[in-house]
Amino acid sequence: KLDSMQQAKKCYFRAMSVGDLEGMAVIKLARLHEQLQEDDEAA
């Protein structure tokens, strides 16, 4: 929301690495890559 996309990516990656309890980090990271037109990473 504050347009700090790189920081957001780090948070989602960290959430995945510690065990995504609610399964939300993966889909949010995918959408962020899609928004940034990083299609290969989003896929």
All heavy atoms as atom14 arrays in JSON, in Angstrom:
{
  "sequence": "KLDSMQQAKKCYFRAMSVGDLEGMAVIKLARLHEQLQEDDEAA",
  "atom14_mask": [
    [1, 1, 1, 1, 1, 1, 1, 1, 1, 0, 0, 0, 0, 0],
    [1, 1, 1, 1, 1, 1, 1, 1, 0, 0, 0, 0, 0, 0],
    [1, 1, 1, 1, 1, 1, 1, 1, 0, 0, 0, 0, 0, 0],
    [1, 1, 1, 1, 1, 1, 0, 0, 0, 0, 0, 0, 0, 0],
    [1, 1, 1, 1, 1, 1, 1, 1, 0, 0, 0, 0, 0, 0],
    [1, 1, 1, 1, 1, 1, 1, 1, 1, 0, 0, 0, 0, 0],
    [1, 1, 1, 1, 1, 1, 1, 1, 1, 0, 0, 0, 0, 0],
    [1, 1, 1, 1, 1, 0, 0, 0, 0, 0, 0, 0, 0, 0],
    [1, 1, 1, 1, 1, 1, 1, 1, 1, 0, 0, 0, 0, 0],
    [1, 1, 1, 1, 1, 1, 1, 1, 1, 0, 0, 0, 0, 0],
    [1, 1, 1, 1, 1, 1, 0, 0, 0, 0, 0, 0, 0, 0],
    [1, 1, 1, 1, 1, 1, 1, 1, 1, 1, 1, 1, 0, 0],
    [1, 1, 1, 1, 1, 1, 1, 1, 1, 1, 1, 0, 0, 0],
    [1, 1, 1, 1, 1, 1, 1, 1, 1, 1, 1, 0, 0, 0],
    [1, 1, 1, 1, 1, 0, 0, 0, 0, 0, 0, 0, 0, 0],
    [1, 1, 1, 1, 1, 1, 1, 1, 0, 0, 0, 0, 0, 0],
    [1, 1, 1, 1, 1, 1, 0, 0, 0, 0, 0, 0, 0, 0],
    [1, 1, 1, 1, 1, 1, 1, 0, 0, 0, 0, 0, 0, 0],
    [1, 1, 1, 1, 0, 0, 0, 0, 0, 0, 0, 0, 0, 0],
    [1, 1, 1, 1, 1, 1, 1, 1, 0, 0, 0, 0, 0, 0],
    [1, 1, 1, 1, 1, 1, 1, 1, 0, 0, 0, 0, 0, 0],
    [1, 1, 1, 1, 1, 1, 1, 1, 1, 0, 0, 0, 0, 0],
    [1, 1, 1, 1, 0, 0, 0, 0, 0, 0, 0, 0, 0, 0],
    [1, 1, 1, 1, 1, 1, 1, 1, 0, 0, 0, 0, 0, 0],
    [1, 1, 1, 1, 1, 0, 0, 0, 0, 0, 0, 0, 0, 0],
    [1, 1, 1, 1, 1, 1, 1, 0, 0, 0, 0, 0, 0, 0],
    [1, 1, 1, 1, 1, 1, 1, 1, 0, 0, 0, 0, 0, 0],
    [1, 1, 1, 1, 1, 1, 1, 1, 1, 0, 0, 0, 0, 0],
    [1, 1, 1, 1, 1, 1, 1, 1, 0, 0, 0, 0, 0, 0],
    [1, 1, 1, 1, 1, 0, 0, 0, 0, 0, 0, 0, 0, 0],
    [1, 1, 1, 1, 1, 1, 1, 1, 1, 1, 1, 0, 0, 0],
    [1, 1, 1, 1, 1, 1, 1, 1, 0, 0, 0, 0, 0, 0],
    [1, 1, 1, 1, 1, 1, 1, 1, 1, 1, 0, 0, 0, 0],
    [1, 1, 1, 1, 1, 1, 1, 1, 1, 0, 0, 0, 0, 0],
    [1, 1, 1, 1, 1, 1, 1, 1, 1, 0, 0, 0, 0, 0],
    [1, 1, 1, 1, 1, 1, 1, 1, 0, 0, 0, 0, 0, 0],
    [1, 1, 1, 1, 1, 1, 1, 1, 1, 0, 0, 0, 0, 0],
    [1, 1, 1, 1, 1, 1, 1, 1, 1, 0, 0, 0, 0, 0],
    [1, 1, 1, 1, 1, 1, 1, 1, 0, 0, 0, 0, 0, 0],
    [1, 1, 1, 1, 1, 1, 1, 1, 0, 0, 0, 0, 0, 0],
    [1, 1, 1, 1, 1, 1, 1, 1, 1, 0, 0, 0, 0, 0],
    [1, 1, 1, 1, 1, 0, 0, 0, 0, 0, 0, 0, 0, 0],
    [1, 1, 1, 1, 1, 0, 0, 0, 0, 0, 0, 0, 0, 0]
  ],
  "atom14_positions": [
    [[0.83, -1.21, 0.0], [0.0, 0.0, 0.0], [0.85, 1.25, 0.0], [0.41, 2.32, -0.44], [-0.93, -0.01, 1.21], [-2.06, -1.03, 1.08], [-2.82, -1.17, 2.37], [-3.85, -2.29, 2.23], [-4.49, -2.6, 3.52], [0.0, 0.0, 0.0], [0.0, 0.0, 0.0], [0.0, 0.0, 0.0], [0.0, 0.0, 0.0], [0.0, 0.0, 0.0]],
    [[2.08, 1.12, 0.51], [3.0, 2.26, 0.53], [3.95, 2.25, -0.67], [4.93, 2.99, -0.69], [3.8, 2.25, 1.83], [2.97, 2.47, 3.11], [3.79, 2.17, 4.35], [2.44, 3.9, 3.15], [0.0, 0.0, 0.0], [0.0, 0.0, 0.0], [0.0, 0.0, 0.0], [0.0, 0.0, 0.0], [0.0, 0.0, 0.0], [0.0, 0.0, 0.0]],
    [[3.66, 1.37, -1.65], [4.45, 1.26, -2.9], [5.9, 0.85, -2.65], [6.78, 1.17, -3.45], [4.41, 2.58, -3.69], [3.01, 2.87, -4.23], [2.31, 1.9, -4.58], [2.64, 4.06, -4.3], [0.0, 0.0, 0.0], [0.0, 0.0, 0.0], [0.0, 0.0, 0.0], [0.0, 0.0, 0.0], [0.0, 0.0, 0.0], [0.0, 0.0, 0.0]],
    [[6.16, 0.15, -1.55], [7.49, -0.4, -1.31], [7.47, -1.86, -1.73], [7.4, -2.78, -0.89], [7.87, -0.27, 0.18], [7.92, 1.08, 0.56], [0.0, 0.0, 0.0], [0.0, 0.0, 0.0], [0.0, 0.0, 0.0], [0.0, 0.0, 0.0], [0.0, 0.0, 0.0], [0.0, 0.0, 0.0], [0.0, 0.0, 0.0], [0.0, 0.0, 0.0]],
    [[7.5, -2.08, -3.04], [7.26, -3.42, -3.58], [8.38, -4.4, -3.24], [8.12, -5.58, -2.99], [7.07, -3.34, -5.1], [5.91, -2.46, -5.53], [4.36, -2.95, -4.74], [3.21, -1.79, -5.47], [0.0, 0.0, 0.0], [0.0, 0.0, 0.0], [0.0, 0.0, 0.0], [0.0, 0.0, 0.0], [0.0, 0.0, 0.0], [0.0, 0.0, 0.0]],
    [[9.62, -3.93, -3.23], [10.72, -4.83, -2.92], [10.65, -5.31, -1.47], [10.91, -6.48, -1.16], [12.07, -4.14, -3.18], [12.3, -3.77, -4.65], [12.16, -4.97, -5.57], [12.68, -6.06, -5.28], [11.49, -4.78, -6.69], [0.0, 0.0, 0.0], [0.0, 0.0, 0.0], [0.0, 0.0, 0.0], [0.0, 0.0, 0.0], [0.0, 0.0, 0.0]],
    [[10.27, -4.41, -0.56], [10.1, -4.8, 0.84], [8.94, -5.79, 0.98], [9.02, -6.74, 1.77], [9.82, -3.56, 1.71], [11.0, -2.61, 1.86], [12.15, -3.24, 2.64], [11.96, -4.12, 3.45], [13.36, -2.78, 2.37], [0.0, 0.0, 0.0], [0.0, 0.0, 0.0], [0.0, 0.0, 0.0], [0.0, 0.0, 0.0], [0.0, 0.0, 0.0]],
    [[7.88, -5.55, 0.22], [6.74, -6.47, 0.26], [7.15, -7.85, -0.2], [6.77, -8.87, 0.41], [5.61, -5.92, -0.62], [0.0, 0.0, 0.0], [0.0, 0.0, 0.0], [0.0, 0.0, 0.0], [0.0, 0.0, 0.0], [0.0, 0.0, 0.0], [0.0, 0.0, 0.0], [0.0, 0.0, 0.0], [0.0, 0.0, 0.0], [0.0, 0.0, 0.0]],
    [[7.96, -7.91, -1.27], [8.44, -9.22, -1.76], [9.21, -9.96, -0.67], [9.02, -11.15, -0.45], [9.37, -9.01, -2.97], [8.69, -8.78, -4.29], [9.78, -8.74, -5.37], [9.24, -8.18, -6.66], [10.29, -8.06, -7.68], [0.0, 0.0, 0.0], [0.0, 0.0, 0.0], [0.0, 0.0, 0.0], [0.0, 0.0, 0.0], [0.0, 0.0, 0.0]],
    [[10.11, -9.23, 0.03], [10.91, -9.85, 1.08], [10.02, -10.43, 2.18], [10.27, -11.53, 2.69], [11.88, -8.83, 1.68], [13.01, -8.42, 0.74], [13.87, -7.35, 1.38], [14.97, -6.88, 0.43], [15.78, -5.79, 1.02], [0.0, 0.0, 0.0], [0.0, 0.0, 0.0], [0.0, 0.0, 0.0], [0.0, 0.0, 0.0], [0.0, 0.0, 0.0]],
    [[8.97, -9.68, 2.53], [8.06, -10.16, 3.58], [7.35, -11.43, 3.15], [7.24, -12.38, 3.94], [7.03, -9.08, 3.91], [7.72, -7.65, 4.78], [0.0, 0.0, 0.0], [0.0, 0.0, 0.0], [0.0, 0.0, 0.0], [0.0, 0.0, 0.0], [0.0, 0.0, 0.0], [0.0, 0.0, 0.0], [0.0, 0.0, 0.0], [0.0, 0.0, 0.0]],
    [[6.87, -11.47, 1.92], [6.16, -12.66, 1.44], [7.11, -13.86, 1.34], [6.74, -14.99, 1.69], [5.5, -12.38, 0.09], [4.39, -11.35, 0.15], [4.22, -10.41, -0.88], [3.51, -11.32, 1.23], [3.21, -9.47, -0.83], [2.5, -10.37, 1.29], [2.35, -9.45, 0.26], [1.35, -8.51, 0.32], [0.0, 0.0, 0.0], [0.0, 0.0, 0.0]],
    [[8.33, -13.61, 0.86], [9.32, -14.7, 0.79], [9.62, -15.25, 2.19], [9.7, -16.46, 2.39], [10.62, -14.21, 0.15], [10.67, -14.37, -1.34], [10.83, -13.27, -2.17], [10.56, -15.62, -1.92], [10.87, -13.41, -3.55], [10.61, -15.78, -3.3], [10.76, -14.67, -4.12], [0.0, 0.0, 0.0], [0.0, 0.0, 0.0], [0.0, 0.0, 0.0]],
    [[9.77, -14.32, 3.15], [10.05, -14.74, 4.52], [8.87, -15.54, 5.1], [9.07, -16.55, 5.79], [10.32, -13.49, 5.37], [10.48, -13.74, 6.85], [11.73, -14.5, 7.18], [11.88, -14.7, 8.61], [12.63, -15.62, 9.17], [13.34, -16.44, 8.43], [12.71, -15.73, 10.47], [0.0, 0.0, 0.0], [0.0, 0.0, 0.0], [0.0, 0.0, 0.0]],
    [[7.66, -15.08, 4.8], [6.48, -15.79, 5.29], [6.43, -17.22, 4.74], [6.08, -18.17, 5.45], [5.21, -15.04, 4.89], [0.0, 0.0, 0.0], [0.0, 0.0, 0.0], [0.0, 0.0, 0.0], [0.0, 0.0, 0.0], [0.0, 0.0, 0.0], [0.0, 0.0, 0.0], [0.0, 0.0, 0.0], [0.0, 0.0, 0.0], [0.0, 0.0, 0.0]],
    [[6.82, -17.38, 3.48], [6.84, -18.72, 2.88], [7.93, -19.58, 3.52], [7.74, -20.78, 3.74], [7.07, -18.6, 1.37], [5.86, -18.07, 0.61], [6.28, -17.44, -1.03], [7.05, -18.86, -1.78], [0.0, 0.0, 0.0], [0.0, 0.0, 0.0], [0.0, 0.0, 0.0], [0.0, 0.0, 0.0], [0.0, 0.0, 0.0], [0.0, 0.0, 0.0]],
    [[9.05, -18.97, 3.85], [10.18, -19.75, 4.38], [9.93, -20.22, 5.81], [10.45, -21.26, 6.22], [11.46, -18.92, 4.33], [11.39, -17.81, 5.2], [0.0, 0.0, 0.0], [0.0, 0.0, 0.0], [0.0, 0.0, 0.0], [0.0, 0.0, 0.0], [0.0, 0.0, 0.0], [0.0, 0.0, 0.0], [0.0, 0.0, 0.0], [0.0, 0.0, 0.0]],
    [[9.12, -19.47, 6.6], [8.85, -19.88, 7.98], [7.62, -20.77, 8.08], [7.27, -21.24, 9.16], [8.69, -18.66, 8.91], [9.96, -17.84, 8.95], [7.49, -17.81, 8.52], [0.0, 0.0, 0.0], [0.0, 0.0, 0.0], [0.0, 0.0, 0.0], [0.0, 0.0, 0.0], [0.0, 0.0, 0.0], [0.0, 0.0, 0.0], [0.0, 0.0, 0.0]],
    [[6.96, -21.02, 6.95], [5.77, -21.87, 6.97], [4.51, -21.03, 6.89], [4.09, -20.46, 7.9], [0.0, 0.0, 0.0], [0.0, 0.0, 0.0], [0.0, 0.0, 0.0], [0.0, 0.0, 0.0], [0.0, 0.0, 0.0], [0.0, 0.0, 0.0], [0.0, 0.0, 0.0], [0.0, 0.0, 0.0], [0.0, 0.0, 0.0], [0.0, 0.0, 0.0]],
    [[3.95, -20.93, 5.71], [2.79, -20.06, 5.47], [1.55, -20.67, 6.12], [0.89, -21.54, 5.55], [2.6, -19.89, 3.96], [1.6, -18.8, 3.62], [1.15, -18.11, 4.54], [1.28, -18.65, 2.44], [0.0, 0.0, 0.0], [0.0, 0.0, 0.0], [0.0, 0.0, 0.0], [0.0, 0.0, 0.0], [0.0, 0.0, 0.0], [0.0, 0.0, 0.0]],
    [[1.22, -20.19, 7.33], [0.15, -20.81, 8.11], [-1.21, -20.74, 7.41], [-1.98, -21.69, 7.47], [0.04, -20.12, 9.48], [1.22, -20.32, 10.43], [1.05, -19.46, 11.67], [1.36, -21.77, 10.82], [0.0, 0.0, 0.0], [0.0, 0.0, 0.0], [0.0, 0.0, 0.0], [0.0, 0.0, 0.0], [0.0, 0.0, 0.0], [0.0, 0.0, 0.0]],
    [[-1.5, -19.64, 6.78], [-2.82, -19.46, 6.16], [-2.77, -19.59, 4.64], [-3.78, -19.37, 3.97], [-3.38, -18.08, 6.56], [-3.62, -17.98, 8.06], [-4.15, -16.62, 8.47], [-3.97, -15.65, 7.7], [-4.73, -16.51, 9.57], [0.0, 0.0, 0.0], [0.0, 0.0, 0.0], [0.0, 0.0, 0.0], [0.0, 0.0, 0.0], [0.0, 0.0, 0.0]],
    [[-1.61, -19.93, 4.09], [-1.5, -20.13, 2.65], [-1.7, -18.88, 1.83], [-2.1, -18.96, 0.65], [0.0, 0.0, 0.0], [0.0, 0.0, 0.0], [0.0, 0.0, 0.0], [0.0, 0.0, 0.0], [0.0, 0.0, 0.0], [0.0, 0.0, 0.0], [0.0, 0.0, 0.0], [0.0, 0.0, 0.0], [0.0, 0.0, 0.0], [0.0, 0.0, 0.0]],
    [[-1.45, -17.7, 2.41], [-1.7, -16.45, 1.71], [-0.46, -15.84, 1.08], [-0.56, -15.06, 0.14], [-2.31, -15.43, 2.68], [-3.67, -15.83, 3.22], [-4.9, -16.06, 1.91], [-4.97, -14.41, 1.24], [0.0, 0.0, 0.0], [0.0, 0.0, 0.0], [0.0, 0.0, 0.0], [0.0, 0.0, 0.0], [0.0, 0.0, 0.0], [0.0, 0.0, 0.0]],
    [[0.72, -16.16, 1.6], [1.94, -15.5, 1.12], [2.21, -15.82, -0.34], [2.61, -14.95, -1.12], [3.13, -15.91, 1.98], [0.0, 0.0, 0.0], [0.0, 0.0, 0.0], [0.0, 0.0, 0.0], [0.0, 0.0, 0.0], [0.0, 0.0, 0.0], [0.0, 0.0, 0.0], [0.0, 0.0, 0.0], [0.0, 0.0, 0.0], [0.0, 0.0, 0.0]],
    [[1.97, -17.07, -0.75], [2.28, -17.49, -2.13], [1.43, -16.72, -3.13], [1.94, -16.17, -4.11], [2.06, -19.01, -2.3], [2.37, -19.43, -3.72], [2.91, -19.78, -1.33], [0.0, 0.0, 0.0], [0.0, 0.0, 0.0], [0.0, 0.0, 0.0], [0.0, 0.0, 0.0], [0.0, 0.0, 0.0], [0.0, 0.0, 0.0], [0.0, 0.0, 0.0]],
    [[0.11, -16.68, -2.89], [-0.78, -16.02, -3.85], [-0.52, -14.52, -3.89], [-0.57, -13.89, -4.95], [-2.26, -16.33, -3.53], [-3.17, -15.9, -4.66], [-2.69, -15.71, -2.21], [-3.05, -16.72, -5.91], [0.0, 0.0, 0.0], [0.0, 0.0, 0.0], [0.0, 0.0, 0.0], [0.0, 0.0, 0.0], [0.0, 0.0, 0.0], [0.0, 0.0, 0.0]],
    [[-0.18, -13.92, -2.74], [0.09, -12.48, -2.72], [1.4, -12.17, -3.44], [1.5, -11.16, -4.15], [0.12, -11.97, -1.28], [-1.27, -11.95, -0.64], [-1.24, -11.29, 0.71], [-2.66, -11.24, 1.29], [-3.53, -10.34, 0.5], [0.0, 0.0, 0.0], [0.0, 0.0, 0.0], [0.0, 0.0, 0.0], [0.0, 0.0, 0.0], [0.0, 0.0, 0.0]],
    [[2.39, -13.03, -3.28], [3.65, -12.83, -3.99], [3.45, -13.0, -5.49], [4.0, -12.24, -6.3], [4.69, -13.81, -3.47], [6.09, -13.71, -4.09], [6.67, -12.32, -3.87], [7.02, -14.77, -3.51], [0.0, 0.0, 0.0], [0.0, 0.0, 0.0], [0.0, 0.0, 0.0], [0.0, 0.0, 0.0], [0.0, 0.0, 0.0], [0.0, 0.0, 0.0]],
    [[2.64, -13.98, -5.87], [2.36, -14.2, -7.29], [1.68, -12.97, -7.89], [2.04, -12.52, -8.99], [1.48, -15.43, -7.46], [0.0, 0.0, 0.0], [0.0, 0.0, 0.0], [0.0, 0.0, 0.0], [0.0, 0.0, 0.0], [0.0, 0.0, 0.0], [0.0, 0.0, 0.0], [0.0, 0.0, 0.0], [0.0, 0.0, 0.0], [0.0, 0.0, 0.0]],
    [[0.69, -12.43, -7.21], [-0.01, -11.24, -7.72], [0.91, -10.04, -7.81], [0.78, -9.22, -8.72], [-1.2, -10.92, -6.8], [-2.38, -11.84, -7.02], [-3.51, -11.48, -6.1], [-4.66, -12.33, -6.34], [-5.61, -12.56, -5.46], [-5.53, -12.02, -4.26], [-6.64, -13.33, -5.76], [0.0, 0.0, 0.0], [0.0, 0.0, 0.0], [0.0, 0.0, 0.0]],
    [[1.83, -9.94, -6.83], [2.77, -8.82, -6.86], [3.69, -8.93, -8.08], [3.94, -7.93, -8.77], [3.59, -8.81, -5.57], [4.55, -7.64, -5.36], [3.84, -6.31, -5.47], [5.25, -7.76, -4.01], [0.0, 0.0, 0.0], [0.0, 0.0, 0.0], [0.0, 0.0, 0.0], [0.0, 0.0, 0.0], [0.0, 0.0, 0.0], [0.0, 0.0, 0.0]],
    [[4.19, -10.13, -8.37], [5.0, -10.33, -9.58], [4.18, -10.01, -10.84], [4.7, -9.39, -11.78], [5.5, -11.77, -9.64], [6.66, -12.06, -8.74], [7.82, -11.31, -8.76], [6.85, -13.02, -7.79], [8.67, -11.8, -7.88], [8.11, -12.82, -7.26], [0.0, 0.0, 0.0], [0.0, 0.0, 0.0], [0.0, 0.0, 0.0], [0.0, 0.0, 0.0]],
    [[2.93, -10.43, -10.84], [2.07, -10.15, -12.01], [1.86, -8.66, -12.18], [1.94, -8.13, -13.3], [0.72, -10.84, -11.82], [-0.22, -10.66, -13.0], [-1.59, -11.31, -12.76], [-1.81, -11.9, -11.68], [-2.45, -11.21, -13.66], [0.0, 0.0, 0.0], [0.0, 0.0, 0.0], [0.0, 0.0, 0.0], [0.0, 0.0, 0.0], [0.0, 0.0, 0.0]],
    [[1.64, -7.96, -11.08], [1.45, -6.51, -11.12], [2.7, -5.81, -11.66], [2.6, -4.81, -12.4], [1.12, -6.0, -9.72], [0.89, -4.51, -9.61], [0.69, -4.08, -8.17], [0.33, -4.88, -7.31], [0.92, -2.81, -7.9], [0.0, 0.0, 0.0], [0.0, 0.0, 0.0], [0.0, 0.0, 0.0], [0.0, 0.0, 0.0], [0.0, 0.0, 0.0]],
    [[3.87, -6.35, -11.3], [5.13, -5.76, -11.76], [5.56, -6.29, -13.13], [6.67, -6.02, -13.58], [6.23, -6.04, -10.72], [6.03, -5.42, -9.34], [7.08, -5.91, -8.37], [6.05, -3.9, -9.42], [0.0, 0.0, 0.0], [0.0, 0.0, 0.0], [0.0, 0.0, 0.0], [0.0, 0.0, 0.0], [0.0, 0.0, 0.0], [0.0, 0.0, 0.0]],
    [[4.66, -7.07, -13.77], [4.9, -7.65, -15.11], [6.12, -8.56, -15.13], [6.82, -8.66, -16.14], [5.03, -6.54, -16.16], [3.76, -5.7, -16.3], [3.88, -4.62, -17.35], [4.98, -4.32, -17.83], [2.76, -4.03, -17.73], [0.0, 0.0, 0.0], [0.0, 0.0, 0.0], [0.0, 0.0, 0.0], [0.0, 0.0, 0.0], [0.0, 0.0, 0.0]],
    [[6.35, -9.23, -14.01], [7.42, -10.24, -13.93], [6.76, -11.61, -14.11], [6.56, -12.37, -13.16], [8.13, -10.12, -12.57], [8.81, -8.76, -12.38], [9.28, -8.53, -10.94], [8.97, -9.35, -10.06], [9.96, -7.5, -10.71], [0.0, 0.0, 0.0], [0.0, 0.0, 0.0], [0.0, 0.0, 0.0], [0.0, 0.0, 0.0], [0.0, 0.0, 0.0]],
    [[6.4, -11.88, -15.38], [5.53, -13.01, -15.67], [6.16, -14.36, -15.32], [5.47, -15.25, -14.82], [5.12, -13.0, -17.16], [4.18, -11.85, -17.47], [3.68, -11.21, -16.51], [3.94, -11.57, -18.65], [0.0, 0.0, 0.0], [0.0, 0.0, 0.0], [0.0, 0.0, 0.0], [0.0, 0.0, 0.0], [0.0, 0.0, 0.0], [0.0, 0.0, 0.0]],
    [[7.44, -14.52, -15.59], [8.08, -15.81, -15.3], [8.04, -16.12, -13.8], [7.73, -17.24, -13.39], [9.53, -15.82, -15.81], [9.59, -15.76, -17.33], [8.59, -16.12, -17.98], [10.65, -15.37, -17.86], [0.0, 0.0, 0.0], [0.0, 0.0, 0.0], [0.0, 0.0, 0.0], [0.0, 0.0, 0.0], [0.0, 0.0, 0.0], [0.0, 0.0, 0.0]],
    [[8.39, -15.11, -12.97], [8.35, -15.3, -11.52], [6.93, -15.52, -11.02], [6.67, -16.35, -10.14], [8.97, -14.09, -10.8], [10.46, -13.94, -10.98], [10.82, -13.23, -12.29], [9.88, -12.94, -13.07], [12.01, -12.98, -12.52], [0.0, 0.0, 0.0], [0.0, 0.0, 0.0], [0.0, 0.0, 0.0], [0.0, 0.0, 0.0], [0.0, 0.0, 0.0]],
    [[5.98, -14.77, -11.63], [4.57, -14.93, -11.24], [4.1, -16.34, -11.54], [3.38, -16.95, -10.74], [3.71, -13.9, -11.97], [0.0, 0.0, 0.0], [0.0, 0.0, 0.0], [0.0, 0.0, 0.0], [0.0, 0.0, 0.0], [0.0, 0.0, 0.0], [0.0, 0.0, 0.0], [0.0, 0.0, 0.0], [0.0, 0.0, 0.0], [0.0, 0.0, 0.0]],
    [[4.49, -16.88, -12.7], [4.07, -18.23, -13.07], [4.6, -19.26, -12.08], [3.89, -20.21, -11.71], [4.57, -18.55, -14.48], [0.0, 0.0, 0.0], [0.0, 0.0, 0.0], [0.0, 0.0, 0.0], [0.0, 0.0, 0.0], [0.0, 0.0, 0.0], [0.0, 0.0, 0.0], [0.0, 0.0, 0.0], [0.0, 0.0, 0.0], [0.0, 0.0, 0.0]]
  ]
}
